[in-house]
Amino acid sequence: MSARKDHVILVNEKNEWLGTMEKMAAHELGLLHRAFSVFILNEHEEMLLQRRAQSKYHSGGLWSNACCSHPYPGESTAGAAQRRMQQELGITCSLTPLFQFRYRAVVGNGLIENEYDHVYVGEYSGSFQTDPEEVEELQFVALDKVQDWLRERPEDFTAWFRLALPRFLDSLKASRVAA
């Protein structure tokens, strides 16, 4: 299967492959497709937040996790997460899969995110080379401050981040208990 960079992978409720569709058409129709979200922590356990470029096709100017996107048809989700970290942030680091979740959200511009989202975590403390077409701003924020900010101003954040953050924090807590 060729990697069509303008297509997403359509899936069912069990994340089983159904086919592919042009990315914008899938978002206009609100069809369920595979996605990923990467969370990055530094050595101080601060979370990297990305402010999406204003020019993004949706959710421009909103804060979110380190990076997120869709795997190309024929590309693994983990491989896609590594590709996007390099493209958006200019970094590589090991990623650990944490959990998967499904959500649906109207995100403006007549678009609907309907995603089966694979969430990864990594640790990175170096420098970044951001793509200005993707990223407006980056900052590391203490986990408790991220929670406070989200509670006080949820409209500052992307729809998927608002849903994923509590699960991410619960997964971190659970992994620490198990260690």
C-alpha atoms as a PDB file:
ATOM      1  CA  MET A   1       0.000   0.000   0.000  1.00  0.00           C
ATOM      2  CA  SER A   2       1.476   3.362  -0.926  1.00  0.00           C
ATOM      3  CA  ALA A   3       1.807   6.068   1.695  1.00  0.00           C
ATOM      4  CA  ARG A   4      -0.665   8.718   0.519  1.00  0.00           C
ATOM      5  CA  LYS A   5       0.335  11.746   2.537  1.00  0.00           C
ATOM      6  CA  ASP A   6      -2.977  13.518   1.967  1.00  0.00           C
ATOM      7  CA  HIS A   7      -5.027  10.554   3.236  1.00  0.00           C
ATOM      8  CA  VAL A   8      -6.013   9.253   6.673  1.00  0.00           C
ATOM      9  CA  ILE A   9      -6.728   5.690   7.756  1.00  0.00           C
ATOM     10  CA  LEU A  10     -10.430   5.093   8.358  1.00  0.00           C
ATOM     11  CA  VAL A  11     -11.166   2.690  11.220  1.00  0.00           C
ATOM     12  CA  ASN A  12     -14.121   1.225  13.076  1.00  0.00           C
ATOM     13  CA  GLU A  13     -14.829   1.466  16.808  1.00  0.00           C
ATOM     14  CA  LYS A  14     -12.276  -1.307  17.441  1.00  0.00           C
ATOM     15  CA  ASN A  15      -9.537   0.592  15.535  1.00  0.00           C
ATOM     16  CA  GLU A  16      -9.729  -1.927  12.686  1.00  0.00           C
ATOM     17  CA  TRP A  17      -8.720  -0.698   9.230  1.00  0.00           C
ATOM     18  CA  LEU A  18     -11.628   0.114   6.915  1.00  0.00           C
ATOM     19  CA  GLY A  19      -9.871   2.024   4.148  1.00  0.00           C
ATOM     20  CA  THR A  20      -8.448   5.456   3.440  1.00  0.00           C
ATOM     21  CA  MET A  21      -9.842   8.852   2.558  1.00  0.00           C
ATOM     22  CA  GLU A  22      -8.487  12.270   1.714  1.00  0.00           C
ATOM     23  CA  LYS A  23      -7.786  14.007   5.032  1.00  0.00           C
ATOM     24  CA  MET A  24      -9.955  17.089   4.579  1.00  0.00           C
ATOM     25  CA  ALA A  25     -12.914  15.043   3.292  1.00  0.00           C
ATOM     26  CA  ALA A  26     -12.689  12.757   6.346  1.00  0.00           C
ATOM     27  CA  HIS A  27     -12.738  15.829   8.616  1.00  0.00           C
ATOM     28  CA  GLU A  28     -15.611  17.461   6.719  1.00  0.00           C
ATOM     29  CA  LEU A  29     -17.683  14.264   6.956  1.00  0.00           C
ATOM     30  CA  GLY A  30     -16.573  13.499  10.512  1.00  0.00           C
ATOM     31  CA  LEU A  31     -15.514   9.935   9.707  1.00  0.00           C
ATOM     32  CA  LEU A  32     -13.636   7.934  12.344  1.00  0.00           C
ATOM     33  CA  HIS A  33      -9.914   7.772  11.577  1.00  0.00           C
ATOM     34  CA  ARG A  34      -6.640   6.842  13.287  1.00  0.00           C
ATOM     35  CA  ALA A  35      -4.554   9.536  14.980  1.00  0.00           C
ATOM     36  CA  PHE A  36      -1.843   9.935  17.581  1.00  0.00           C
ATOM     37  CA  SER A  37      -0.900  12.415  20.290  1.00  0.00           C
ATOM     38  CA  VAL A  38       2.607  12.758  21.727  1.00  0.00           C
ATOM     39  CA  PHE A  39       3.228  14.091  25.226  1.00  0.00           C
ATOM     40  CA  ILE A  40       6.789  15.121  26.110  1.00  0.00           C
ATOM     41  CA  LEU A  41       8.129  15.646  29.621  1.00  0.00           C
ATOM     42  CA  ASN A  42      11.521  17.121  30.463  1.00  0.00           C
ATOM     43  CA  GLU A  43      13.892  16.030  33.248  1.00  0.00           C
ATOM     44  CA  HIS A  44      11.930  18.225  35.698  1.00  0.00           C
ATOM     45  CA  GLU A  45       8.654  16.446  34.818  1.00  0.00           C
ATOM     46  CA  GLU A  46       7.338  19.561  33.102  1.00  0.00           C
ATOM     47  CA  MET A  47       5.059  19.044  30.109  1.00  0.00           C
ATOM     48  CA  LEU A  48       5.890  20.462  26.703  1.00  0.00           C
ATOM     49  CA  LEU A  49       2.965  22.471  25.379  1.00  0.00           C
ATOM     50  CA  GLN A  50       2.714  23.535  21.764  1.00  0.00           C
ATOM     51  CA  ARG A  51       0.707  26.514  20.602  1.00  0.00           C
ATOM     52  CA  ARG A  52      -0.532  25.599  17.147  1.00  0.00           C
ATOM     53  CA  ALA A  53       0.254  28.001  14.321  1.00  0.00           C
ATOM     54  CA  GLN A  54      -2.584  30.427  13.591  1.00  0.00           C
ATOM     55  CA  SER A  55      -2.591  29.225   9.972  1.00  0.00           C
ATOM     56  CA  LYS A  56      -3.482  25.598  10.843  1.00  0.00           C
ATOM     57  CA  TYR A  57      -6.609  24.287   9.106  1.00  0.00           C
ATOM     58  CA  HIS A  58      -8.307  24.009  12.495  1.00  0.00           C
ATOM     59  CA  SER A  59      -7.604  24.865  16.141  1.00  0.00           C
ATOM     60  CA  GLY A  60      -5.017  27.487  15.128  1.00  0.00           C
ATOM     61  CA  GLY A  61      -3.553  29.425  18.056  1.00  0.00           C
ATOM     62  CA  LEU A  62      -4.722  26.882  20.639  1.00  0.00           C
ATOM     63  CA  TRP A  63      -2.404  25.122  23.081  1.00  0.00           C
ATOM     64  CA  SER A  64      -1.985  21.378  22.924  1.00  0.00           C
ATOM     65  CA  ASN A  65       0.389  18.495  23.631  1.00  0.00           C
ATOM     66  CA  ALA A  66       3.848  18.328  22.022  1.00  0.00           C
ATOM     67  CA  CYS A  67       2.552  17.130  18.662  1.00  0.00           C
ATOM     68  CA  CYS A  68      -0.268  15.179  17.079  1.00  0.00           C
ATOM     69  CA  SER A  69      -1.306  14.057  13.636  1.00  0.00           C
ATOM     70  CA  HIS A  70      -2.360  11.037  11.590  1.00  0.00           C
ATOM     71  CA  PRO A  71      -0.341   8.084  10.325  1.00  0.00           C
ATOM     72  CA  TYR A  72      -0.107   7.754   6.562  1.00  0.00           C
ATOM     73  CA  PRO A  73      -1.723   4.686   5.003  1.00  0.00           C
ATOM     74  CA  GLY A  74       0.858   1.911   5.302  1.00  0.00           C
ATOM     75  CA  GLU A  75       2.734   3.664   8.141  1.00  0.00           C
ATOM     76  CA  SER A  76       2.756   2.463  11.745  1.00  0.00           C
ATOM     77  CA  THR A  77       1.293   4.800  14.325  1.00  0.00           C
ATOM     78  CA  ALA A  78       4.550   4.756  16.338  1.00  0.00           C
ATOM     79  CA  GLY A  79       6.542   5.536  13.189  1.00  0.00           C
ATOM     80  CA  ALA A  80       4.193   8.398  12.358  1.00  0.00           C
ATOM     81  CA  ALA A  81       4.626   9.842  15.858  1.00  0.00           C
ATOM     82  CA  GLN A  82       8.423   9.834  15.398  1.00  0.00           C
ATOM     83  CA  ARG A  83       8.071  11.413  11.931  1.00  0.00           C
ATOM     84  CA  ARG A  84       5.884  14.256  13.213  1.00  0.00           C
ATOM     85  CA  MET A  85       8.141  15.006  16.197  1.00  0.00           C
ATOM     86  CA  GLN A  86      10.998  15.440  13.735  1.00  0.00           C
ATOM     87  CA  GLN A  87       8.915  17.530  11.295  1.00  0.00           C
ATOM     88  CA  GLU A  88       7.190  19.818  13.815  1.00  0.00           C
ATOM     89  CA  LEU A  89       9.758  20.045  16.621  1.00  0.00           C
ATOM     90  CA  GLY A  90      13.053  18.956  15.052  1.00  0.00           C
ATOM     91  CA  ILE A  91      13.585  16.281  17.734  1.00  0.00           C
ATOM     92  CA  THR A  92      13.727  12.554  18.262  1.00  0.00           C
ATOM     93  CA  CYS A  93      13.302  10.635  21.497  1.00  0.00           C
ATOM     94  CA  SER A  94      12.033   7.266  22.632  1.00  0.00           C
ATOM     95  CA  LEU A  95       8.268   7.055  22.903  1.00  0.00           C
ATOM     96  CA  THR A  96       6.212   4.724  25.063  1.00  0.00           C
ATOM     97  CA  PRO A  97       2.591   3.944  24.181  1.00  0.00           C
ATOM     98  CA  LEU A  98       0.337   4.884  27.110  1.00  0.00           C
ATOM     99  CA  PHE A  99      -3.291   4.417  26.077  1.00  0.00           C
ATOM    100  CA  GLN A 100      -5.788   4.835  23.269  1.00  0.00           C
ATOM    101  CA  PHE A 101      -9.061   6.696  23.313  1.00  0.00           C
ATOM    102  CA  ARG A 102     -11.812   7.668  20.953  1.00  0.00           C
ATOM    103  CA  TYR A 103     -13.346  11.096  20.737  1.00  0.00           C
ATOM    104  CA  ARG A 104     -15.438  13.283  18.470  1.00  0.00           C
ATOM    105  CA  ALA A 105     -15.326  17.090  18.497  1.00  0.00           C
ATOM    106  CA  VAL A 106     -16.447  19.913  16.235  1.00  0.00           C
ATOM    107  CA  VAL A 107     -13.262  21.970  15.759  1.00  0.00           C
ATOM    108  CA  GLY A 108     -14.380  24.889  13.584  1.00  0.00           C
ATOM    109  CA  ASN A 109     -14.120  25.707   9.892  1.00  0.00           C
ATOM    110  CA  GLY A 110     -16.817  23.095   9.208  1.00  0.00           C
ATOM    111  CA  LEU A 111     -14.525  20.308  10.413  1.00  0.00           C
ATOM    112  CA  ILE A 112     -15.048  17.428  12.821  1.00  0.00           C
ATOM    113  CA  GLU A 113     -12.306  15.495  14.567  1.00  0.00           C
ATOM    114  CA  ASN A 114     -13.532  11.928  14.975  1.00  0.00           C
ATOM    115  CA  GLU A 115     -10.459  10.021  16.031  1.00  0.00           C
ATOM    116  CA  TYR A 116      -9.187   6.812  17.495  1.00  0.00           C
ATOM    117  CA  ASP A 117      -6.194   8.424  19.180  1.00  0.00           C
ATOM    118  CA  HIS A 118      -3.006   6.587  20.225  1.00  0.00           C
ATOM    119  CA  VAL A 119      -1.239   8.455  23.032  1.00  0.00           C
ATOM    120  CA  TYR A 120       2.540   8.267  23.535  1.00  0.00           C
ATOM    121  CA  VAL A 121       4.910   9.761  26.092  1.00  0.00           C
ATOM    122  CA  GLY A 122       8.594  10.614  25.782  1.00  0.00           C
ATOM    123  CA  GLU A 123      11.261  12.508  27.671  1.00  0.00           C
ATOM    124  CA  TYR A 124      13.293  15.296  26.069  1.00  0.00           C
ATOM    125  CA  SER A 125      15.194  18.269  27.445  1.00  0.00           C
ATOM    126  CA  GLY A 126      17.239  19.564  24.502  1.00  0.00           C
ATOM    127  CA  SER A 127      16.688  22.311  21.967  1.00  0.00           C
ATOM    128  CA  PHE A 128      14.005  22.484  19.279  1.00  0.00           C
ATOM    129  CA  GLN A 129      13.869  23.451  15.614  1.00  0.00           C
ATOM    130  CA  THR A 130      10.175  24.112  15.092  1.00  0.00           C
ATOM    131  CA  ASP A 131       8.330  24.337  11.808  1.00  0.00           C
ATOM    132  CA  PRO A 132       6.641  27.786  11.847  1.00  0.00           C
ATOM    133  CA  GLU A 133       3.808  26.463   9.655  1.00  0.00           C
ATOM    134  CA  GLU A 134       2.934  24.039  12.461  1.00  0.00           C
ATOM    135  CA  VAL A 135       4.132  25.634  15.706  1.00  0.00           C
ATOM    136  CA  GLU A 136       3.644  29.179  16.946  1.00  0.00           C
ATOM    137  CA  GLU A 137       5.191  28.709  20.390  1.00  0.00           C
ATOM    138  CA  LEU A 138       6.537  26.060  22.783  1.00  0.00           C
ATOM    139  CA  GLN A 139       6.856  26.046  26.538  1.00  0.00           C
ATOM    140  CA  PHE A 140       7.480  23.545  29.323  1.00  0.00           C
ATOM    141  CA  VAL A 141       4.924  23.883  32.135  1.00  0.00           C
ATOM    142  CA  ALA A 142       4.745  22.113  35.501  1.00  0.00           C
ATOM    143  CA  LEU A 143       2.030  19.448  35.538  1.00  0.00           C
ATOM    144  CA  ASP A 144       0.047  21.106  38.327  1.00  0.00           C
ATOM    145  CA  LYS A 145       0.178  24.431  36.453  1.00  0.00           C
ATOM    146  CA  VAL A 146      -1.098  22.752  33.270  1.00  0.00           C
ATOM    147  CA  GLN A 147      -4.045  21.337  35.226  1.00  0.00           C
ATOM    148  CA  ASP A 148      -4.789  24.737  36.789  1.00  0.00           C
ATOM    149  CA  TRP A 149      -4.581  26.488  33.407  1.00  0.00           C
ATOM    150  CA  LEU A 150      -6.879  23.932  31.794  1.00  0.00           C
ATOM    151  CA  ARG A 151      -9.393  24.231  34.648  1.00  0.00           C
ATOM    152  CA  GLU A 152      -9.376  28.063  34.535  1.00  0.00           C
ATOM    153  CA  ARG A 153      -9.229  28.572  30.749  1.00  0.00           C
ATOM    154  CA  PRO A 154     -10.268  25.416  28.844  1.00  0.00           C
ATOM    155  CA  GLU A 155     -10.900  27.514  25.726  1.00  0.00           C
ATOM    156  CA  ASP A 156      -7.104  28.015  25.406  1.00  0.00           C
ATOM    157  CA  PHE A 157      -6.657  24.308  24.553  1.00  0.00           C
ATOM    158  CA  THR A 158      -7.502  21.925  21.722  1.00  0.00           C
ATOM    159  CA  ALA A 159     -10.483  19.610  22.122  1.00  0.00           C
ATOM    160  CA  TRP A 160      -8.350  16.451  22.198  1.00  0.00           C
ATOM    161  CA  PHE A 161      -5.942  17.865  24.772  1.00  0.00           C
ATOM    162  CA  ARG A 162      -8.808  18.685  27.137  1.00  0.00           C
ATOM    163  CA  LEU A 163      -9.920  15.046  26.908  1.00  0.00           C
ATOM    164  CA  ALA A 164      -6.485  13.396  26.905  1.00  0.00           C
ATOM    165  CA  LEU A 165      -4.804  15.295  29.752  1.00  0.00           C
ATOM    166  CA  PRO A 166      -6.715  13.674  32.658  1.00  0.00           C
ATOM    167  CA  ARG A 167      -6.116  10.208  31.183  1.00  0.00           C
ATOM    168  CA  PHE A 168      -2.466  11.052  30.592  1.00  0.00           C
ATOM    169  CA  LEU A 169      -2.010  12.128  34.223  1.00  0.00           C
ATOM    170  CA  ASP A 170      -3.799   8.997  35.471  1.00  0.00           C
ATOM    171  CA  SER A 171      -1.525   6.833  33.290  1.00  0.00           C
ATOM    172  CA  LEU A 172       1.574   8.586  34.675  1.00  0.00           C
ATOM    173  CA  LYS A 173       0.339   8.015  38.215  1.00  0.00           C
ATOM    174  CA  ALA A 174      -0.380   4.344  37.514  1.00  0.00           C
ATOM    175  CA  SER A 175       3.034   3.779  35.921  1.00  0.00           C
ATOM    176  CA  ARG A 176       4.767   5.310  38.957  1.00  0.00           C
ATOM    177  CA  VAL A 177       2.821   3.064  41.336  1.00  0.00           C
ATOM    178  CA  ALA A 178       3.751   0.007  39.254  1.00  0.00           C
ATOM    179  CA  ALA A 179       7.460   0.944  39.145  1.00  0.00           C
END
